[in-house]
Amino acid sequence: MINFILGVLVTIGIFFLCLWAMKPEEFKALMKSIGGGGIRPPVNNNPKEVEEEEEIDD
């Protein structure tokens, strides 16, 4: 049982080392091939807040 746990930990560690060693372009391509779509830019979900800031004139 201990050997199984160690094997899983080593496998996960190697996987994360490979991800860490990759270039950002390769990482985005890998995520697109998996189906994640890559890293998405942040989207402004509250456009009303920006409008309220513009309306304030003192």
PDB file of N, CA and C in Angstrom:
ATOM      1  N   MET A   1       0.833  -1.206   0.000  1.00  0.00           N
ATOM      2  CA  MET A   1       0.000   0.000   0.000  1.00  0.00           C
ATOM      3  C   MET A   1       0.867   1.255   0.000  1.00  0.00           C
ATOM      4  N   ILE A   2       1.941   1.221   0.778  1.00  0.00           N
ATOM      5  CA  ILE A   2       2.834   2.387   0.815  1.00  0.00           C
ATOM      6  C   ILE A   2       3.494   2.587  -0.549  1.00  0.00           C
ATOM      7  N   ASN A   3       3.846   1.490  -1.209  1.00  0.00           N
ATOM      8  CA  ASN A   3       4.462   1.610  -2.533  1.00  0.00           C
ATOM      9  C   ASN A   3       3.506   2.259  -3.526  1.00  0.00           C
ATOM     10  N   PHE A   4       2.229   1.907  -3.441  1.00  0.00           N
ATOM     11  CA  PHE A   4       1.234   2.501  -4.343  1.00  0.00           C
ATOM     12  C   PHE A   4       1.129   4.011  -4.114  1.00  0.00           C
ATOM     13  N   ILE A   5       1.075   4.423  -2.856  1.00  0.00           N
ATOM     14  CA  ILE A   5       0.965   5.852  -2.537  1.00  0.00           C
ATOM     15  C   ILE A   5       2.211   6.600  -3.013  1.00  0.00           C
ATOM     16  N   LEU A   6       3.376   6.017  -2.788  1.00  0.00           N
ATOM     17  CA  LEU A   6       4.611   6.668  -3.243  1.00  0.00           C
ATOM     18  C   LEU A   6       4.643   6.765  -4.768  1.00  0.00           C
ATOM     19  N   GLY A   7       4.194   5.736  -5.444  1.00  0.00           N
ATOM     20  CA  GLY A   7       4.157   5.767  -6.905  1.00  0.00           C
ATOM     21  C   GLY A   7       3.248   6.857  -7.429  1.00  0.00           C
ATOM     22  N   VAL A   8       2.086   7.011  -6.806  1.00  0.00           N
ATOM     23  CA  VAL A   8       1.160   8.066  -7.227  1.00  0.00           C
ATOM     24  C   VAL A   8       1.781   9.439  -6.982  1.00  0.00           C
ATOM     25  N   LEU A   9       2.405   9.631  -5.830  1.00  0.00           N
ATOM     26  CA  LEU A   9       3.016  10.928  -5.526  1.00  0.00           C
ATOM     27  C   LEU A   9       4.148  11.250  -6.501  1.00  0.00           C
ATOM     28  N   VAL A  10       4.971  10.266  -6.820  1.00  0.00           N
ATOM     29  CA  VAL A  10       6.073  10.497  -7.762  1.00  0.00           C
ATOM     30  C   VAL A  10       5.521  10.831  -9.145  1.00  0.00           C
ATOM     31  N   THR A  11       4.467  10.123  -9.572  1.00  0.00           N
ATOM     32  CA  THR A  11       3.874  10.390 -10.886  1.00  0.00           C
ATOM     33  C   THR A  11       3.321  11.807 -10.949  1.00  0.00           C
ATOM     34  N   ILE A  12       2.606  12.222  -9.910  1.00  0.00           N
ATOM     35  CA  ILE A  12       2.053  13.578  -9.886  1.00  0.00           C
ATOM     36  C   ILE A  12       3.185  14.606  -9.856  1.00  0.00           C
ATOM     37  N   GLY A  13       4.247  14.320  -9.104  1.00  0.00           N
ATOM     38  CA  GLY A  13       5.379  15.236  -9.049  1.00  0.00           C
ATOM     39  C   GLY A  13       6.051  15.411 -10.401  1.00  0.00           C
ATOM     40  N   ILE A  14       6.248  14.328 -11.128  1.00  0.00           N
ATOM     41  CA  ILE A  14       6.852  14.408 -12.464  1.00  0.00           C
ATOM     42  C   ILE A  14       5.946  15.195 -13.401  1.00  0.00           C
ATOM     43  N   PHE A  15       4.630  14.971 -13.305  1.00  0.00           N
ATOM     44  CA  PHE A  15       3.676  15.695 -14.152  1.00  0.00           C
ATOM     45  C   PHE A  15       3.783  17.204 -13.915  1.00  0.00           C
ATOM     46  N   PHE A  16       3.833  17.616 -12.632  1.00  0.00           N
ATOM     47  CA  PHE A  16       3.915  19.045 -12.342  1.00  0.00           C
ATOM     48  C   PHE A  16       5.274  19.615 -12.726  1.00  0.00           C
ATOM     49  N   LEU A  17       6.330  18.829 -12.634  1.00  0.00           N
ATOM     50  CA  LEU A  17       7.640  19.306 -13.098  1.00  0.00           C
ATOM     51  C   LEU A  17       7.613  19.562 -14.597  1.00  0.00           C
ATOM     52  N   CYS A  18       6.947  18.684 -15.347  1.00  0.00           N
ATOM     53  CA  CYS A  18       6.836  18.889 -16.796  1.00  0.00           C
ATOM     54  C   CYS A  18       6.033  20.152 -17.094  1.00  0.00           C
ATOM     55  N   LEU A  19       4.945  20.382 -16.362  1.00  0.00           N
ATOM     56  CA  LEU A  19       4.156  21.597 -16.578  1.00  0.00           C
ATOM     57  C   LEU A  19       4.981  22.837 -16.234  1.00  0.00           C
ATOM     58  N   TRP A  20       5.771  22.757 -15.167  1.00  0.00           N
ATOM     59  CA  TRP A  20       6.556  23.907 -14.729  1.00  0.00           C
ATOM     60  C   TRP A  20       7.662  24.224 -15.737  1.00  0.00           C
ATOM     61  N   ALA A  21       8.189  23.206 -16.416  1.00  0.00           N
ATOM     62  CA  ALA A  21       9.292  23.406 -17.352  1.00  0.00           C
ATOM     63  C   ALA A  21       8.817  23.900 -18.717  1.00  0.00           C
ATOM     64  N   MET A  22       7.514  23.843 -18.978  1.00  0.00           N
ATOM     65  CA  MET A  22       7.011  24.231 -20.296  1.00  0.00           C
ATOM     66  C   MET A  22       6.975  25.742 -20.455  1.00  0.00           C
ATOM     67  N   LYS A  23       7.050  26.180 -21.708  1.00  0.00           N
ATOM     68  CA  LYS A  23       6.896  27.592 -22.023  1.00  0.00           C
ATOM     69  C   LYS A  23       5.406  27.936 -21.975  1.00  0.00           C
ATOM     70  N   PRO A  24       5.062  29.207 -21.750  1.00  0.00           N
ATOM     71  CA  PRO A  24       3.637  29.577 -21.693  1.00  0.00           C
ATOM     72  C   PRO A  24       2.882  29.247 -22.973  1.00  0.00           C
ATOM     73  N   GLU A  25       3.528  29.409 -24.143  1.00  0.00           N
ATOM     74  CA  GLU A  25       2.841  29.102 -25.397  1.00  0.00           C
ATOM     75  C   GLU A  25       2.512  27.618 -25.479  1.00  0.00           C
ATOM     76  N   GLU A  26       3.460  26.775 -25.071  1.00  0.00           N
ATOM     77  CA  GLU A  26       3.212  25.336 -25.101  1.00  0.00           C
ATOM     78  C   GLU A  26       2.119  24.964 -24.111  1.00  0.00           C
ATOM     79  N   PHE A  27       2.102  25.634 -22.964  1.00  0.00           N
ATOM     80  CA  PHE A  27       1.084  25.344 -21.953  1.00  0.00           C
ATOM     81  C   PHE A  27      -0.302  25.701 -22.479  1.00  0.00           C
ATOM     82  N   LYS A  28      -0.431  26.865 -23.152  1.00  0.00           N
ATOM     83  CA  LYS A  28      -1.726  27.255 -23.706  1.00  0.00           C
ATOM     84  C   LYS A  28      -2.165  26.274 -24.783  1.00  0.00           C
ATOM     85  N   ALA A  29      -1.221  25.827 -25.625  1.00  0.00           N
ATOM     86  CA  ALA A  29      -1.570  24.867 -26.667  1.00  0.00           C
ATOM     87  C   ALA A  29      -2.028  23.551 -26.050  1.00  0.00           C
ATOM     88  N   LEU A  30      -1.371  23.127 -24.981  1.00  0.00           N
ATOM     89  CA  LEU A  30      -1.770  21.889 -24.309  1.00  0.00           C
ATOM     90  C   LEU A  30      -3.160  22.029 -23.708  1.00  0.00           C
ATOM     91  N   MET A  31      -3.431  23.158 -23.078  1.00  0.00           N
ATOM     92  CA  MET A  31      -4.746  23.348 -22.470  1.00  0.00           C
ATOM     93  C   MET A  31      -5.835  23.401 -23.535  1.00  0.00           C
ATOM     94  N   LYS A  32      -5.537  23.995 -24.704  1.00  0.00           N
ATOM     95  CA  LYS A  32      -6.533  24.019 -25.776  1.00  0.00           C
ATOM     96  C   LYS A  32      -6.782  22.613 -26.294  1.00  0.00           C
ATOM     97  N   SER A  33      -5.733  21.797 -26.391  1.00  0.00           N
ATOM     98  CA  SER A  33      -5.917  20.434 -26.882  1.00  0.00           C
ATOM     99  C   SER A  33      -6.713  19.603 -25.883  1.00  0.00           C
ATOM    100  N   ILE A  34      -6.545  19.880 -24.586  1.00  0.00           N
ATOM    101  CA  ILE A  34      -7.329  19.166 -23.580  1.00  0.00           C
ATOM    102  C   ILE A  34      -8.777  19.645 -23.612  1.00  0.00           C
ATOM    103  N   GLY A  35      -8.977  20.922 -23.874  1.00  0.00           N
ATOM    104  CA  GLY A  35     -10.333  21.457 -23.913  1.00  0.00           C
ATOM    105  C   GLY A  35     -10.544  22.600 -22.945  1.00  0.00           C
ATOM    106  N   GLY A  36      -9.480  23.043 -22.285  1.00  0.00           N
ATOM    107  CA  GLY A  36      -9.629  24.132 -21.330  1.00  0.00           C
ATOM    108  C   GLY A  36      -9.728  25.492 -21.996  1.00  0.00           C
ATOM    109  N   GLY A  37      -9.212  25.619 -23.211  1.00  0.00           N
ATOM    110  CA  GLY A  37      -9.278  26.884 -23.918  1.00  0.00           C
ATOM    111  C   GLY A  37      -8.168  27.843 -23.539  1.00  0.00           C
ATOM    112  N   GLY A  38      -7.209  27.411 -22.763  1.00  0.00           N
ATOM    113  CA  GLY A  38      -6.114  28.282 -22.386  1.00  0.00           C
ATOM    114  C   GLY A  38      -6.504  29.217 -21.261  1.00  0.00           C
ATOM    115  N   ILE A  39      -5.620  30.147 -20.957  1.00  0.00           N
ATOM    116  CA  ILE A  39      -5.880  31.100 -19.882  1.00  0.00           C
ATOM    117  C   ILE A  39      -6.694  32.256 -20.458  1.00  0.00           C
ATOM    118  N   ARG A  40      -7.890  32.454 -19.912  1.00  0.00           N
ATOM    119  CA  ARG A  40      -8.766  33.503 -20.425  1.00  0.00           C
ATOM    120  C   ARG A  40      -8.457  34.824 -19.720  1.00  0.00           C
ATOM    121  N   PRO A  41      -8.531  35.940 -20.460  1.00  0.00           N
ATOM    122  CA  PRO A  41      -8.324  37.240 -19.810  1.00  0.00           C
ATOM    123  C   PRO A  41      -9.491  37.562 -18.886  1.00  0.00           C
ATOM    124  N   PRO A  42      -9.275  38.364 -17.863  1.00  0.00           N
ATOM    125  CA  PRO A  42     -10.379  38.703 -16.954  1.00  0.00           C
ATOM    126  C   PRO A  42     -11.449  39.520 -17.665  1.00  0.00           C
ATOM    127  N   VAL A  43     -12.700  39.231 -17.357  1.00  0.00           N
ATOM    128  CA  VAL A  43     -13.829  39.906 -17.993  1.00  0.00           C
ATOM    129  C   VAL A  43     -14.501  40.789 -16.952  1.00  0.00           C
ATOM    130  N   ASN A  44     -14.835  42.006 -17.358  1.00  0.00           N
ATOM    131  CA  ASN A  44     -15.525  42.924 -16.447  1.00  0.00           C
ATOM    132  C   ASN A  44     -16.990  42.519 -16.380  1.00  0.00           C
ATOM    133  N   ASN A  45     -17.388  41.905 -15.266  1.00  0.00           N
ATOM    134  CA  ASN A  45     -18.760  41.446 -15.113  1.00  0.00           C
ATOM    135  C   ASN A  45     -19.672  42.529 -14.560  1.00  0.00           C
ATOM    136  N   ASN A  46     -19.125  43.652 -14.135  1.00  0.00           N
ATOM    137  CA  ASN A  46     -19.930  44.713 -13.534  1.00  0.00           C
ATOM    138  C   ASN A  46     -19.698  46.033 -14.273  1.00  0.00           C
ATOM    139  N   PRO A  47     -20.239  46.180 -15.469  1.00  0.00           N
ATOM    140  CA  PRO A  47     -20.049  47.458 -16.183  1.00  0.00           C
ATOM    141  C   PRO A  47     -20.793  48.607 -15.519  1.00  0.00           C
ATOM    142  N   LYS A  48     -21.798  48.303 -14.667  1.00  0.00           N
ATOM    143  CA  LYS A  48     -22.562  49.361 -14.002  1.00  0.00           C
ATOM    144  C   LYS A  48     -21.679  50.135 -13.027  1.00  0.00           C
ATOM    145  N   GLU A  49     -20.721  49.463 -12.387  1.00  0.00           N
ATOM    146  CA  GLU A  49     -19.854  50.141 -11.428  1.00  0.00           C
ATOM    147  C   GLU A  49     -19.021  51.224 -12.118  1.00  0.00           C
ATOM    148  N   VAL A  50     -18.554  50.945 -13.314  1.00  0.00           N
ATOM    149  CA  VAL A  50     -17.755  51.926 -14.046  1.00  0.00           C
ATOM    150  C   VAL A  50     -18.620  53.119 -14.413  1.00  0.00           C
ATOM    151  N   GLU A  51     -19.878  52.867 -14.832  1.00  0.00           N
ATOM    152  CA  GLU A  51     -20.773  53.957 -15.193  1.00  0.00           C
ATOM    153  C   GLU A  51     -21.078  54.830 -13.980  1.00  0.00           C
ATOM    154  N   GLU A  52     -21.261  54.222 -12.813  1.00  0.00           N
ATOM    155  CA  GLU A  52     -21.557  55.001 -11.615  1.00  0.00           C
ATOM    156  C   GLU A  52     -20.379  55.894 -11.243  1.00  0.00           C
ATOM    157  N   GLU A  53     -19.153  55.415 -11.429  1.00  0.00           N
ATOM    158  CA  GLU A  53     -17.986  56.229 -11.111  1.00  0.00           C
ATOM    159  C   GLU A  53     -17.900  57.436 -12.040  1.00  0.00           C
ATOM    160  N   GLU A  54     -18.290  57.269 -13.307  1.00  0.00           N
ATOM    161  CA  GLU A  54     -18.224  58.366 -14.256  1.00  0.00           C
ATOM    162  C   GLU A  54     -19.295  59.413 -13.982  1.00  0.00           C
ATOM    163  N   GLU A  55     -20.431  59.022 -13.396  1.00  0.00           N
ATOM    164  CA  GLU A  55     -21.531  59.951 -13.165  1.00  0.00           C
ATOM    165  C   GLU A  55     -21.261  60.885 -11.993  1.00  0.00           C
ATOM    166  N   ILE A  56     -20.355  60.525 -11.099  1.00  0.00           N
ATOM    167  CA  ILE A  56     -20.108  61.343  -9.916  1.00  0.00           C
ATOM    168  C   ILE A  56     -19.286  62.571 -10.307  1.00  0.00           C
ATOM    169  N   ASP A  57     -19.903  63.756 -10.175  1.00  0.00           N
ATOM    170  CA  ASP A  57     -19.221  65.025 -10.457  1.00  0.00           C
ATOM    171  C   ASP A  57     -19.466  65.964  -9.295  1.00  0.00           C
ATOM    172  N   ASP A  58     -18.436  66.231  -8.514  1.00  0.00           N
ATOM    173  CA  ASP A  58     -18.594  67.140  -7.372  1.00  0.00           C
ATOM    174  C   ASP A  58     -17.872  68.449  -7.650  1.00  0.00           C
TER     175      ASP A  58
END
